[in-house]
Amino acid sequence: MSEAQSPTQPQAALQPRTGFFVRELPYVLLLALAVVGIAYTSLSPDTSVAYWKVLAPVFAVVCIVSQWSRVPAGGGAKMRLVIVQLVHWGAFLLTILLLFLPEMQKMLPALVSAQVILYLLALSTFLAGLYNTSWQLVAVGVLMALAVPAIALLERSVLLGVVIAAAVLVVIAAYVFHRRRKSGPPSGQRSVRD
């Protein structure tokens, strides 16, 4: 029995030493790449399509690598993981390509198309987590899905804040101008007082 346990003991000893951040690094990477993509899409929706086309294979590789150790060896389980993830992320990439066909772009503005891509990426990540029973991938997918309306709200809030600030500045300027005009002595009298 001790011979059978000895190979597992070094693995068990390595598990606690591995930090939380190192274990969760692939998921943090996915979330960071998604945040960069969201920012890029909100700044330049027309050119962000290329970013998402590159990101699909990156997500596929991270999903495969992060789940590789969880899949049992033998029985074709690892090959199934690779095939399922490649088909899954390939379908995502195909959907992006279809979405940005010229005929589709006539119907959808670039910003709407970019938001659809973000939702598709969030859904694809969520589903990849369900396939692999990975709560981390599910969490990344949910966070990405919540980020899309949050960014839209933030953009509206910023615009609303700018409009309100401009209105307040106009009212203050009008008040100051009116007050100076009403109570201020002519410029000739002011110099005698000083």
N, C-alpha and C. Protein backbone atom coordinates (compact mmCIF):
# COMPACT_ATOMS: atom_id res chain seq x y z
N MET A 1 0.81 -1.19 0.00
CA MET A 1 0.00 0.00 0.00
C MET A 1 0.85 1.25 0.00
N SER A 2 1.97 1.22 0.75
CA SER A 2 2.81 2.39 0.84
C SER A 2 3.45 2.73 -0.50
N GLU A 3 3.69 1.73 -1.36
CA GLU A 3 4.23 1.99 -2.68
C GLU A 3 3.21 2.71 -3.55
N ALA A 4 1.93 2.36 -3.38
CA ALA A 4 0.87 3.01 -4.16
C ALA A 4 0.63 4.42 -3.69
N GLN A 5 0.89 4.69 -2.40
CA GLN A 5 0.63 6.02 -1.86
C GLN A 5 1.77 6.99 -2.12
N SER A 6 2.98 6.48 -2.27
CA SER A 6 4.13 7.37 -2.41
C SER A 6 4.06 8.29 -3.62
N PRO A 7 3.54 7.86 -4.81
CA PRO A 7 3.45 8.82 -5.91
C PRO A 7 2.42 9.92 -5.65
N THR A 8 1.40 9.63 -4.86
CA THR A 8 0.38 10.65 -4.62
C THR A 8 0.80 11.63 -3.54
N GLN A 9 1.67 11.20 -2.62
CA GLN A 9 2.08 12.08 -1.55
C GLN A 9 2.82 13.32 -2.06
N PRO A 10 3.76 13.21 -3.03
CA PRO A 10 4.38 14.43 -3.52
C PRO A 10 3.37 15.37 -4.19
N GLN A 11 2.39 14.81 -4.89
CA GLN A 11 1.37 15.65 -5.53
C GLN A 11 0.55 16.36 -4.47
N ALA A 12 0.18 15.65 -3.41
CA ALA A 12 -0.60 16.25 -2.33
C ALA A 12 0.21 17.33 -1.62
N ALA A 13 1.52 17.10 -1.49
CA ALA A 13 2.36 18.09 -0.83
C ALA A 13 2.51 19.34 -1.67
N LEU A 14 2.47 19.20 -3.00
CA LEU A 14 2.60 20.37 -3.87
C LEU A 14 1.33 21.20 -3.91
N GLN A 15 0.16 20.59 -3.71
CA GLN A 15 -1.11 21.29 -3.80
C GLN A 15 -1.19 22.48 -2.82
N PRO A 16 -0.89 22.30 -1.52
CA PRO A 16 -1.01 23.43 -0.61
C PRO A 16 0.02 24.53 -0.89
N ARG A 17 1.19 24.14 -1.41
CA ARG A 17 2.22 25.13 -1.67
C ARG A 17 1.86 26.04 -2.84
N THR A 18 1.09 25.52 -3.75
CA THR A 18 0.69 26.32 -4.90
C THR A 18 -0.28 27.39 -4.42
N GLY A 19 0.06 28.62 -4.69
CA GLY A 19 -0.78 29.72 -4.22
C GLY A 19 -2.08 29.82 -4.98
N PHE A 20 -3.02 30.48 -4.34
CA PHE A 20 -4.33 30.66 -4.95
C PHE A 20 -4.21 31.36 -6.30
N PHE A 21 -3.41 32.40 -6.35
CA PHE A 21 -3.28 33.18 -7.58
C PHE A 21 -2.70 32.33 -8.71
N VAL A 22 -1.73 31.49 -8.39
CA VAL A 22 -1.11 30.65 -9.42
C VAL A 22 -2.12 29.64 -9.95
N ARG A 23 -2.92 29.06 -9.05
CA ARG A 23 -3.95 28.10 -9.46
C ARG A 23 -5.01 28.75 -10.32
N GLU A 24 -5.34 29.98 -9.98
CA GLU A 24 -6.43 30.66 -10.68
C GLU A 24 -5.93 31.57 -11.79
N LEU A 25 -4.64 31.56 -12.06
CA LEU A 25 -4.05 32.44 -13.07
C LEU A 25 -4.71 32.34 -14.45
N PRO A 26 -5.03 31.15 -14.95
CA PRO A 26 -5.67 31.09 -16.27
C PRO A 26 -7.01 31.85 -16.31
N TYR A 27 -7.76 31.77 -15.23
CA TYR A 27 -9.06 32.43 -15.19
C TYR A 27 -8.92 33.93 -15.02
N VAL A 28 -7.93 34.33 -14.25
CA VAL A 28 -7.62 35.76 -14.11
C VAL A 28 -7.18 36.32 -15.46
N LEU A 29 -6.40 35.53 -16.18
CA LEU A 29 -5.95 35.93 -17.52
C LEU A 29 -7.15 36.11 -18.46
N LEU A 30 -8.07 35.16 -18.45
CA LEU A 30 -9.27 35.28 -19.30
C LEU A 30 -10.06 36.53 -18.95
N LEU A 31 -10.25 36.76 -17.67
CA LEU A 31 -11.00 37.94 -17.25
C LEU A 31 -10.27 39.22 -17.63
N ALA A 32 -8.95 39.25 -17.46
CA ALA A 32 -8.17 40.44 -17.83
C ALA A 32 -8.26 40.69 -19.34
N LEU A 33 -8.13 39.63 -20.13
CA LEU A 33 -8.25 39.79 -21.59
C LEU A 33 -9.64 40.27 -21.98
N ALA A 34 -10.65 39.78 -21.30
CA ALA A 34 -12.01 40.24 -21.59
C ALA A 34 -12.19 41.71 -21.22
N VAL A 35 -11.64 42.13 -20.09
CA VAL A 35 -11.74 43.53 -19.68
C VAL A 35 -11.03 44.43 -20.68
N VAL A 36 -9.85 44.01 -21.13
CA VAL A 36 -9.13 44.77 -22.16
C VAL A 36 -9.99 44.85 -23.43
N GLY A 37 -10.59 43.73 -23.81
CA GLY A 37 -11.45 43.72 -24.99
C GLY A 37 -12.67 44.60 -24.85
N ILE A 38 -13.25 44.61 -23.66
CA ILE A 38 -14.42 45.46 -23.41
C ILE A 38 -14.03 46.93 -23.53
N ALA A 39 -12.89 47.29 -22.95
CA ALA A 39 -12.42 48.68 -23.04
C ALA A 39 -12.12 49.04 -24.49
N TYR A 40 -11.45 48.15 -25.19
CA TYR A 40 -11.10 48.38 -26.59
C TYR A 40 -12.37 48.51 -27.44
N THR A 41 -13.35 47.67 -27.17
CA THR A 41 -14.60 47.71 -27.92
C THR A 41 -15.37 49.00 -27.65
N SER A 42 -15.36 49.46 -26.41
CA SER A 42 -16.08 50.69 -26.12
C SER A 42 -15.40 51.91 -26.74
N LEU A 43 -14.07 51.84 -26.91
CA LEU A 43 -13.35 52.95 -27.54
C LEU A 43 -13.42 52.90 -29.06
N SER A 44 -13.31 51.72 -29.62
CA SER A 44 -13.26 51.58 -31.07
C SER A 44 -13.98 50.30 -31.52
N PRO A 45 -15.31 50.35 -31.60
CA PRO A 45 -16.06 49.14 -31.92
C PRO A 45 -15.75 48.60 -33.32
N ASP A 46 -15.41 49.47 -34.26
CA ASP A 46 -15.16 49.02 -35.63
C ASP A 46 -13.91 48.16 -35.74
N THR A 47 -12.85 48.53 -35.03
CA THR A 47 -11.60 47.80 -35.16
C THR A 47 -11.42 46.71 -34.12
N SER A 48 -12.35 46.59 -33.18
CA SER A 48 -12.19 45.60 -32.12
C SER A 48 -12.48 44.18 -32.57
N VAL A 49 -13.04 44.01 -33.74
CA VAL A 49 -13.39 42.68 -34.24
C VAL A 49 -12.15 41.80 -34.34
N ALA A 50 -11.06 42.35 -34.80
CA ALA A 50 -9.82 41.58 -34.93
C ALA A 50 -9.36 41.06 -33.57
N TYR A 51 -9.53 41.86 -32.54
CA TYR A 51 -9.15 41.44 -31.19
C TYR A 51 -9.94 40.20 -30.79
N TRP A 52 -11.25 40.23 -31.04
CA TRP A 52 -12.08 39.10 -30.64
C TRP A 52 -11.79 37.86 -31.47
N LYS A 53 -11.39 38.04 -32.71
CA LYS A 53 -11.02 36.89 -33.55
C LYS A 53 -9.76 36.22 -33.01
N VAL A 54 -8.84 37.00 -32.50
CA VAL A 54 -7.62 36.45 -31.92
C VAL A 54 -7.91 35.85 -30.55
N LEU A 55 -8.83 36.44 -29.84
CA LEU A 55 -9.11 36.00 -28.48
C LEU A 55 -9.79 34.64 -28.42
N ALA A 56 -10.56 34.27 -29.42
CA ALA A 56 -11.26 32.98 -29.41
C ALA A 56 -10.29 31.80 -29.28
N PRO A 57 -9.23 31.73 -30.10
CA PRO A 57 -8.28 30.62 -29.91
C PRO A 57 -7.55 30.69 -28.56
N VAL A 58 -7.30 31.89 -28.06
CA VAL A 58 -6.65 32.03 -26.76
C VAL A 58 -7.54 31.44 -25.67
N PHE A 59 -8.83 31.75 -25.72
CA PHE A 59 -9.77 31.20 -24.75
C PHE A 59 -9.82 29.68 -24.86
N ALA A 60 -9.80 29.16 -26.09
CA ALA A 60 -9.83 27.71 -26.29
C ALA A 60 -8.60 27.06 -25.66
N VAL A 61 -7.43 27.62 -25.90
CA VAL A 61 -6.19 27.05 -25.35
C VAL A 61 -6.21 27.11 -23.82
N VAL A 62 -6.63 28.23 -23.27
CA VAL A 62 -6.67 28.36 -21.81
C VAL A 62 -7.67 27.37 -21.22
N CYS A 63 -8.81 27.19 -21.86
CA CYS A 63 -9.79 26.23 -21.37
C CYS A 63 -9.23 24.81 -21.39
N ILE A 64 -8.54 24.46 -22.45
CA ILE A 64 -7.97 23.11 -22.56
C ILE A 64 -6.87 22.92 -21.53
N VAL A 65 -5.94 23.86 -21.45
CA VAL A 65 -4.80 23.72 -20.54
C VAL A 65 -5.27 23.72 -19.08
N SER A 66 -6.20 24.59 -18.75
CA SER A 66 -6.64 24.68 -17.36
C SER A 66 -7.42 23.45 -16.92
N GLN A 67 -8.03 22.75 -17.83
CA GLN A 67 -8.82 21.57 -17.49
C GLN A 67 -8.06 20.25 -17.70
N TRP A 68 -6.90 20.30 -18.31
CA TRP A 68 -6.15 19.10 -18.68
C TRP A 68 -5.89 18.18 -17.49
N SER A 69 -5.47 18.74 -16.37
CA SER A 69 -5.14 17.91 -15.21
C SER A 69 -6.38 17.33 -14.54
N ARG A 70 -7.54 17.90 -14.77
CA ARG A 70 -8.78 17.41 -14.15
C ARG A 70 -9.38 16.23 -14.92
N VAL A 71 -8.99 16.09 -16.17
CA VAL A 71 -9.56 15.04 -17.01
C VAL A 71 -8.76 13.75 -16.77
N PRO A 72 -9.47 12.64 -16.53
CA PRO A 72 -8.74 11.39 -16.29
C PRO A 72 -8.02 10.91 -17.54
N ALA A 73 -6.87 10.31 -17.31
CA ALA A 73 -6.09 9.76 -18.43
C ALA A 73 -6.75 8.47 -18.91
N GLY A 74 -6.60 8.20 -20.19
CA GLY A 74 -7.15 6.97 -20.76
C GLY A 74 -8.61 7.12 -21.14
N GLY A 75 -9.03 6.24 -22.00
CA GLY A 75 -10.43 6.24 -22.42
C GLY A 75 -10.79 7.36 -23.38
N GLY A 76 -9.82 8.09 -23.84
CA GLY A 76 -10.07 9.16 -24.80
C GLY A 76 -10.65 10.42 -24.20
N ALA A 77 -10.63 10.54 -22.88
CA ALA A 77 -11.21 11.71 -22.22
C ALA A 77 -10.46 12.99 -22.56
N LYS A 78 -9.15 12.91 -22.63
CA LYS A 78 -8.36 14.11 -22.96
C LYS A 78 -8.59 14.53 -24.40
N MET A 79 -8.70 13.55 -25.30
CA MET A 79 -8.98 13.87 -26.70
C MET A 79 -10.38 14.48 -26.83
N ARG A 80 -11.32 13.97 -26.05
CA ARG A 80 -12.67 14.52 -26.07
C ARG A 80 -12.66 15.98 -25.61
N LEU A 81 -11.88 16.27 -24.54
CA LEU A 81 -11.75 17.65 -24.05
C LEU A 81 -11.27 18.56 -25.17
N VAL A 82 -10.23 18.15 -25.86
CA VAL A 82 -9.66 18.98 -26.93
C VAL A 82 -10.68 19.18 -28.05
N ILE A 83 -11.33 18.11 -28.47
CA ILE A 83 -12.28 18.21 -29.58
C ILE A 83 -13.47 19.07 -29.19
N VAL A 84 -14.02 18.84 -28.02
CA VAL A 84 -15.19 19.62 -27.58
C VAL A 84 -14.84 21.11 -27.49
N GLN A 85 -13.69 21.43 -26.92
CA GLN A 85 -13.31 22.84 -26.80
C GLN A 85 -13.02 23.48 -28.15
N LEU A 86 -12.36 22.75 -29.04
CA LEU A 86 -12.09 23.31 -30.37
C LEU A 86 -13.37 23.54 -31.16
N VAL A 87 -14.30 22.60 -31.08
CA VAL A 87 -15.59 22.79 -31.77
C VAL A 87 -16.36 23.94 -31.13
N HIS A 88 -16.35 23.98 -29.82
CA HIS A 88 -17.06 25.03 -29.09
C HIS A 88 -16.55 26.43 -29.47
N TRP A 89 -15.24 26.63 -29.37
CA TRP A 89 -14.66 27.94 -29.66
C TRP A 89 -14.63 28.21 -31.16
N GLY A 90 -14.58 27.16 -31.96
CA GLY A 90 -14.70 27.33 -33.41
C GLY A 90 -16.08 27.86 -33.79
N ALA A 91 -17.11 27.35 -33.12
CA ALA A 91 -18.48 27.85 -33.36
C ALA A 91 -18.59 29.32 -32.95
N PHE A 92 -17.95 29.68 -31.86
CA PHE A 92 -17.93 31.08 -31.43
C PHE A 92 -17.27 31.95 -32.49
N LEU A 93 -16.13 31.50 -32.99
CA LEU A 93 -15.40 32.26 -34.01
C LEU A 93 -16.22 32.37 -35.30
N LEU A 94 -16.86 31.29 -35.69
CA LEU A 94 -17.71 31.31 -36.89
C LEU A 94 -18.86 32.30 -36.72
N THR A 95 -19.44 32.33 -35.54
CA THR A 95 -20.53 33.28 -35.27
C THR A 95 -20.04 34.71 -35.39
N ILE A 96 -18.84 34.99 -34.90
CA ILE A 96 -18.27 36.34 -35.04
C ILE A 96 -18.09 36.69 -36.51
N LEU A 97 -17.54 35.75 -37.26
CA LEU A 97 -17.32 36.01 -38.68
C LEU A 97 -18.64 36.26 -39.41
N LEU A 98 -19.67 35.51 -39.08
CA LEU A 98 -20.99 35.72 -39.69
C LEU A 98 -21.58 37.06 -39.28
N LEU A 99 -21.36 37.42 -38.04
CA LEU A 99 -21.91 38.68 -37.53
C LEU A 99 -21.30 39.89 -38.23
N PHE A 100 -20.05 39.76 -38.67
CA PHE A 100 -19.39 40.89 -39.30
C PHE A 100 -19.33 40.78 -40.83
N LEU A 101 -20.21 39.99 -41.39
CA LEU A 101 -20.36 40.01 -42.85
C LEU A 101 -20.92 41.37 -43.25
N PRO A 102 -20.58 41.87 -44.44
CA PRO A 102 -21.06 43.20 -44.84
C PRO A 102 -22.58 43.35 -44.81
N GLU A 103 -23.30 42.29 -45.15
CA GLU A 103 -24.76 42.37 -45.12
C GLU A 103 -25.28 42.56 -43.70
N MET A 104 -24.63 41.89 -42.75
CA MET A 104 -25.04 42.03 -41.35
C MET A 104 -24.68 43.41 -40.81
N GLN A 105 -23.56 43.94 -41.24
CA GLN A 105 -23.12 45.24 -40.75
C GLN A 105 -24.04 46.37 -41.22
N LYS A 106 -24.75 46.13 -42.32
CA LYS A 106 -25.72 47.13 -42.77
C LYS A 106 -26.90 47.21 -41.81
N MET A 107 -27.20 46.08 -41.17
CA MET A 107 -28.35 46.03 -40.26
C MET A 107 -27.99 46.40 -38.82
N LEU A 108 -26.76 46.09 -38.43
CA LEU A 108 -26.34 46.32 -37.04
C LEU A 108 -25.23 47.37 -36.98
N PRO A 109 -25.38 48.37 -36.17
CA PRO A 109 -24.27 49.31 -35.98
C PRO A 109 -23.08 48.59 -35.32
N ALA A 110 -21.92 49.14 -35.47
CA ALA A 110 -20.70 48.51 -34.96
C ALA A 110 -20.75 48.33 -33.44
N LEU A 111 -21.29 49.31 -32.73
CA LEU A 111 -21.34 49.21 -31.27
C LEU A 111 -22.25 48.07 -30.83
N VAL A 112 -23.37 47.90 -31.51
CA VAL A 112 -24.28 46.80 -31.18
C VAL A 112 -23.62 45.46 -31.49
N SER A 113 -22.94 45.37 -32.62
CA SER A 113 -22.24 44.14 -32.97
C SER A 113 -21.18 43.80 -31.93
N ALA A 114 -20.47 44.81 -31.46
CA ALA A 114 -19.43 44.58 -30.46
C ALA A 114 -20.05 44.08 -29.15
N GLN A 115 -21.19 44.64 -28.77
CA GLN A 115 -21.85 44.18 -27.54
C GLN A 115 -22.37 42.76 -27.70
N VAL A 116 -22.85 42.41 -28.89
CA VAL A 116 -23.28 41.04 -29.15
C VAL A 116 -22.10 40.09 -29.01
N ILE A 117 -20.94 40.49 -29.50
CA ILE A 117 -19.74 39.64 -29.37
C ILE A 117 -19.39 39.45 -27.90
N LEU A 118 -19.49 40.50 -27.12
CA LEU A 118 -19.19 40.38 -25.70
C LEU A 118 -20.14 39.39 -25.02
N TYR A 119 -21.42 39.49 -25.35
CA TYR A 119 -22.39 38.54 -24.79
C TYR A 119 -22.11 37.11 -25.26
N LEU A 120 -21.75 36.96 -26.54
CA LEU A 120 -21.42 35.63 -27.05
C LEU A 120 -20.19 35.06 -26.34
N LEU A 121 -19.19 35.89 -26.12
CA LEU A 121 -18.00 35.44 -25.42
C LEU A 121 -18.34 35.03 -23.99
N ALA A 122 -19.16 35.82 -23.34
CA ALA A 122 -19.57 35.49 -21.97
C ALA A 122 -20.34 34.16 -21.96
N LEU A 123 -21.26 34.00 -22.89
CA LEU A 123 -22.03 32.75 -22.97
C LEU A 123 -21.12 31.57 -23.29
N SER A 124 -20.20 31.75 -24.21
CA SER A 124 -19.28 30.66 -24.57
C SER A 124 -18.41 30.26 -23.40
N THR A 125 -17.94 31.24 -22.65
CA THR A 125 -17.11 30.95 -21.48
C THR A 125 -17.93 30.23 -20.41
N PHE A 126 -19.15 30.70 -20.20
CA PHE A 126 -20.05 30.07 -19.24
C PHE A 126 -20.31 28.61 -19.62
N LEU A 127 -20.61 28.38 -20.89
CA LEU A 127 -20.87 27.01 -21.36
C LEU A 127 -19.63 26.13 -21.28
N ALA A 128 -18.46 26.70 -21.57
CA ALA A 128 -17.22 25.93 -21.43
C ALA A 128 -17.03 25.51 -19.98
N GLY A 129 -17.42 26.36 -19.05
CA GLY A 129 -17.36 26.00 -17.64
C GLY A 129 -18.34 24.89 -17.28
N LEU A 130 -19.52 24.91 -17.90
CA LEU A 130 -20.48 23.84 -17.65
C LEU A 130 -20.00 22.52 -18.22
N TYR A 131 -19.42 22.55 -19.42
CA TYR A 131 -18.90 21.32 -20.02
C TYR A 131 -17.86 20.66 -19.13
N ASN A 132 -17.01 21.48 -18.54
CA ASN A 132 -15.87 20.97 -17.77
C ASN A 132 -16.12 21.00 -16.27
N THR A 133 -17.33 21.31 -15.87
CA THR A 133 -17.68 21.48 -14.46
C THR A 133 -16.63 22.32 -13.73
N SER A 134 -16.36 23.48 -14.31
CA SER A 134 -15.38 24.40 -13.75
C SER A 134 -16.10 25.65 -13.26
N TRP A 135 -16.18 25.81 -11.95
CA TRP A 135 -16.86 26.98 -11.41
C TRP A 135 -16.12 28.25 -11.79
N GLN A 136 -14.80 28.16 -12.01
CA GLN A 136 -14.03 29.34 -12.35
C GLN A 136 -14.44 29.88 -13.72
N LEU A 137 -14.59 28.97 -14.70
CA LEU A 137 -15.01 29.41 -16.04
C LEU A 137 -16.44 29.94 -16.00
N VAL A 138 -17.30 29.30 -15.22
CA VAL A 138 -18.67 29.79 -15.07
C VAL A 138 -18.65 31.20 -14.48
N ALA A 139 -17.83 31.42 -13.46
CA ALA A 139 -17.73 32.74 -12.83
C ALA A 139 -17.20 33.78 -13.81
N VAL A 140 -16.20 33.44 -14.59
CA VAL A 140 -15.66 34.38 -15.59
C VAL A 140 -16.75 34.73 -16.59
N GLY A 141 -17.50 33.74 -17.05
CA GLY A 141 -18.59 34.00 -18.00
C GLY A 141 -19.65 34.91 -17.41
N VAL A 142 -20.03 34.67 -16.17
CA VAL A 142 -21.04 35.52 -15.52
C VAL A 142 -20.52 36.94 -15.34
N LEU A 143 -19.27 37.08 -14.91
CA LEU A 143 -18.69 38.43 -14.73
C LEU A 143 -18.62 39.18 -16.05
N MET A 144 -18.27 38.47 -17.13
CA MET A 144 -18.22 39.13 -18.44
C MET A 144 -19.62 39.55 -18.88
N ALA A 145 -20.61 38.69 -18.63
CA ALA A 145 -21.98 39.04 -19.02
C ALA A 145 -22.48 40.25 -18.24
N LEU A 146 -22.11 40.35 -16.97
CA LEU A 146 -22.52 41.49 -16.16
C LEU A 146 -21.76 42.76 -16.55
N ALA A 147 -20.58 42.61 -17.13
CA ALA A 147 -19.77 43.77 -17.50
C ALA A 147 -20.38 44.55 -18.66
N VAL A 148 -21.08 43.87 -19.56
CA VAL A 148 -21.62 44.56 -20.74
C VAL A 148 -22.65 45.62 -20.34
N PRO A 149 -23.71 45.28 -19.60
CA PRO A 149 -24.64 46.34 -19.20
C PRO A 149 -24.01 47.35 -18.24
N ALA A 150 -23.05 46.89 -17.43
CA ALA A 150 -22.39 47.82 -16.51
C ALA A 150 -21.64 48.90 -17.28
N ILE A 151 -20.98 48.51 -18.35
CA ILE A 151 -20.25 49.50 -19.16
C ILE A 151 -21.22 50.43 -19.86
N ALA A 152 -22.32 49.89 -20.37
CA ALA A 152 -23.32 50.74 -21.01
C ALA A 152 -23.89 51.74 -20.01
N LEU A 153 -24.16 51.29 -18.79
CA LEU A 153 -24.64 52.19 -17.74
C LEU A 153 -23.60 53.24 -17.39
N LEU A 154 -22.35 52.81 -17.31
CA LEU A 154 -21.27 53.74 -16.99
C LEU A 154 -21.13 54.80 -18.06
N GLU A 155 -21.21 54.38 -19.34
CA GLU A 155 -21.11 55.36 -20.42
C GLU A 155 -22.26 56.35 -20.36
N ARG A 156 -23.46 55.86 -20.08
CA ARG A 156 -24.61 56.76 -19.96
C ARG A 156 -24.46 57.67 -18.76
N SER A 157 -23.97 57.12 -17.66
CA SER A 157 -23.78 57.92 -16.45
C SER A 157 -22.75 59.01 -16.67
N VAL A 158 -21.68 58.67 -17.37
CA VAL A 158 -20.66 59.67 -17.65
C VAL A 158 -21.25 60.77 -18.53
N LEU A 159 -21.99 60.38 -19.55
CA LEU A 159 -22.61 61.39 -20.42
C LEU A 159 -23.60 62.23 -19.63
N LEU A 160 -24.41 61.59 -18.81
CA LEU A 160 -25.37 62.33 -17.99
C LEU A 160 -24.64 63.25 -17.02
N GLY A 161 -23.55 62.77 -16.43
CA GLY A 161 -22.75 63.59 -15.52
C GLY A 161 -22.15 64.80 -16.20
N VAL A 162 -21.67 64.61 -17.43
CA VAL A 162 -21.11 65.73 -18.19
C VAL A 162 -22.19 66.76 -18.50
N VAL A 163 -23.37 66.30 -18.89
CA VAL A 163 -24.47 67.23 -19.19
C VAL A 163 -24.88 67.99 -17.94
N ILE A 164 -25.00 67.29 -16.81
CA ILE A 164 -25.39 67.95 -15.56
C ILE A 164 -24.31 68.94 -15.13
N ALA A 165 -23.06 68.55 -15.21
CA ALA A 165 -21.96 69.45 -14.84
C ALA A 165 -21.94 70.68 -15.73
N ALA A 166 -22.17 70.50 -17.02
CA ALA A 166 -22.21 71.64 -17.94
C ALA A 166 -23.37 72.57 -17.58
N ALA A 167 -24.52 71.99 -17.27
CA ALA A 167 -25.68 72.81 -16.90
C ALA A 167 -25.40 73.58 -15.61
N VAL A 168 -24.79 72.93 -14.64
CA VAL A 168 -24.47 73.60 -13.37
C VAL A 168 -23.47 74.73 -13.62
N LEU A 169 -22.47 74.49 -14.45
CA LEU A 169 -21.49 75.55 -14.77
C LEU A 169 -22.15 76.72 -15.47
N VAL A 170 -23.08 76.45 -16.36
CA VAL A 170 -23.79 77.54 -17.05
C VAL A 170 -24.61 78.35 -16.05
N VAL A 171 -25.30 77.68 -15.13
CA VAL A 171 -26.10 78.38 -14.12
C VAL A 171 -25.19 79.21 -13.21
N ILE A 172 -24.08 78.64 -12.77
CA ILE A 172 -23.14 79.38 -11.91
C ILE A 172 -22.57 80.59 -12.66
N ALA A 173 -22.17 80.39 -13.90
CA ALA A 173 -21.63 81.50 -14.69
C ALA A 173 -22.67 82.59 -14.87
N ALA A 174 -23.91 82.21 -15.15
CA ALA A 174 -24.98 83.21 -15.31
C ALA A 174 -25.22 83.95 -14.00
N TYR A 175 -25.21 83.22 -12.88
CA TYR A 175 -25.42 83.84 -11.58
C TYR A 175 -24.30 84.82 -11.27
N VAL A 176 -23.05 84.41 -11.46
CA VAL A 176 -21.91 85.28 -11.19
C VAL A 176 -21.95 86.50 -12.10
N PHE A 177 -22.22 86.29 -13.36
CA PHE A 177 -22.29 87.40 -14.31
C PHE A 177 -23.39 88.37 -13.90
N HIS A 178 -24.56 87.84 -13.55
CA HIS A 178 -25.69 88.69 -13.16
C HIS A 178 -25.37 89.44 -11.86
N ARG A 179 -24.77 88.79 -10.93
CA ARG A 179 -24.44 89.42 -9.65
C ARG A 179 -23.40 90.53 -9.81
N ARG A 180 -22.37 90.28 -10.61
CA ARG A 180 -21.35 91.30 -10.85
C ARG A 180 -21.95 92.48 -11.57
N ARG A 181 -22.80 92.19 -12.49
CA ARG A 181 -23.40 93.27 -13.27
C ARG A 181 -24.33 94.11 -12.41
N LYS A 182 -25.08 93.48 -11.50
CA LYS A 182 -26.05 94.17 -10.67
C LYS A 182 -25.39 94.95 -9.53
N SER A 183 -24.42 94.37 -8.84
CA SER A 183 -23.88 95.00 -7.65
C SER A 183 -22.51 95.63 -7.85
N GLY A 184 -21.86 95.38 -8.93
CA GLY A 184 -20.51 95.89 -9.13
C GLY A 184 -20.51 97.35 -9.56
N PRO A 185 -19.64 98.18 -8.93
CA PRO A 185 -19.52 99.57 -9.35
C PRO A 185 -18.79 99.66 -10.68
N PRO A 186 -18.93 100.77 -11.36
CA PRO A 186 -18.19 100.94 -12.61
C PRO A 186 -16.70 100.83 -12.35
N SER A 187 -15.98 100.51 -13.37
CA SER A 187 -14.54 100.24 -13.23
C SER A 187 -13.78 101.48 -12.78
N GLY A 188 -14.23 102.70 -13.08
CA GLY A 188 -13.54 103.93 -12.68
C GLY A 188 -13.61 104.14 -11.18
N GLN A 189 -14.71 103.80 -10.54
CA GLN A 189 -14.86 103.99 -9.11
C GLN A 189 -14.04 102.98 -8.32
N ARG A 190 -13.85 101.81 -8.89
CA ARG A 190 -13.11 100.76 -8.20
C ARG A 190 -11.65 101.15 -8.02
N SER A 191 -11.06 101.85 -8.98
CA SER A 191 -9.65 102.23 -8.87
C SER A 191 -9.44 103.30 -7.80
N VAL A 192 -10.43 104.17 -7.53
CA VAL A 192 -10.31 105.20 -6.50
C VAL A 192 -10.32 104.52 -5.11
N ARG A 193 -11.12 103.51 -4.96
CA ARG A 193 -11.24 102.81 -3.69
C ARG A 193 -9.96 102.07 -3.35
N ASP A 194 -9.26 101.51 -4.31
CA ASP A 194 -8.02 100.78 -4.06
C ASP A 194 -6.97 101.78 -3.79
